Protein backbone atom coordinates (compact mmCIF):
# COMPACT_ATOMS: atom_id res chain seq x y z
CA MET A 1 129.82 78.90 -66.81
CA THR A 2 126.88 81.28 -66.96
CA PHE A 3 123.25 80.42 -66.45
CA SER A 4 120.31 82.09 -68.06
CA PRO A 5 117.72 83.85 -65.86
CA ILE A 6 115.20 81.11 -66.60
CA MET A 7 117.47 78.54 -64.92
CA GLU A 8 117.24 80.50 -61.68
CA ARG A 9 113.45 80.16 -61.72
CA VAL A 10 113.20 76.45 -62.56
CA ASN A 11 114.33 73.67 -60.25
CA GLY A 12 114.15 69.90 -60.30
CA GLU A 13 110.83 69.68 -58.46
CA ILE A 14 109.12 71.93 -61.00
CA ILE A 15 110.48 69.89 -63.92
CA ALA A 16 109.53 66.56 -62.32
CA GLY A 17 106.07 67.81 -61.36
CA SER A 18 105.46 69.12 -64.87
CA ALA A 19 106.44 65.76 -66.34
CA LEU A 20 104.12 63.89 -63.96
CA ALA A 21 101.22 66.25 -64.63
CA PHE A 22 101.73 65.99 -68.40
CA LEU A 23 101.85 62.19 -68.19
CA ALA A 24 98.67 62.15 -66.10
CA ILE A 25 96.88 64.36 -68.62
CA LEU A 26 97.90 61.98 -71.41
CA PHE A 27 96.60 59.01 -69.41
CA ILE A 28 93.31 60.81 -68.68
CA TYR A 29 92.90 61.51 -72.40
CA ALA A 30 93.66 57.85 -73.17
CA ALA A 31 90.97 56.84 -70.69
CA GLN A 32 88.46 58.95 -72.63
CA VAL A 33 89.10 57.11 -75.89
CA ASN A 34 89.90 53.59 -74.67
CA PRO A 35 87.74 51.65 -72.18
CA ILE A 36 90.68 49.60 -70.93
CA TRP A 37 92.53 52.78 -69.88
CA ALA A 38 89.33 53.94 -68.14
CA VAL A 39 89.89 51.28 -65.48
CA ALA A 40 92.98 53.16 -64.26
CA LEU A 41 91.30 56.59 -64.26
CA PRO A 42 91.39 57.03 -60.44
CA ALA A 43 95.13 56.37 -60.47
CA ASP A 44 95.52 58.96 -63.22
CA TYR A 45 93.89 61.62 -61.06
CA ILE A 46 96.17 60.66 -58.16
CA LEU A 47 99.16 60.98 -60.50
CA LEU A 48 97.93 64.43 -61.56
CA ALA A 49 97.56 65.48 -57.91
CA VAL A 50 101.08 64.28 -57.13
CA GLY A 51 102.44 66.19 -60.12
CA LEU A 52 100.69 69.41 -59.10
CA ALA A 53 101.85 68.98 -55.50
CA THR A 54 105.42 68.49 -56.71
CA ILE A 55 105.18 71.69 -58.76
CA GLY A 56 103.89 73.47 -55.66
CA LEU A 57 106.79 72.09 -53.61
CA GLY A 58 109.22 73.33 -56.25
CA ILE A 59 107.74 76.82 -56.19
CA TRP A 60 107.81 76.86 -52.37
CA THR A 61 111.42 75.65 -52.34
CA ARG A 62 112.46 78.25 -54.90
CA ARG A 63 110.89 81.06 -52.89
CA ASN A 64 112.57 79.96 -49.66
CA THR A 65 116.07 79.38 -51.09
CA ASN A 66 116.39 82.54 -53.20
CA ARG A 67 115.82 85.05 -50.41
CA MET A 68 118.39 87.72 -49.76
CA HIS A 69 119.37 88.06 -46.11
CA SER A 70 120.64 91.27 -44.64
CA HIS A 71 123.76 91.36 -42.45
CA GLU A 72 121.68 92.14 -39.35
CA GLU A 73 119.38 89.17 -39.84
CA HIS A 74 121.02 85.77 -39.64
CA PRO A 75 119.26 83.17 -41.85
CA HIS A 76 119.22 80.56 -39.04
CA GLY A 77 117.76 82.69 -36.25
CA ARG A 78 119.38 84.84 -33.59
CA HIS A 79 123.12 84.65 -33.02
């Protein structure tokens, strides 16, 4: 089974964070047009922050797991 190059750049954290951020943006828009949704506006901003932090975690995880290690350098320290 072959994977496309885009699959190597996207992981679960990035997908989950994007979904949370998109949902938060929809809720923030709903708060602009509906006064009942405006009550939950602080929670919407927290949801957006969690989504962006999850995207950041996914990018950090991707950078740390896709590194190439040379034969001289052991990935877990000196041995």
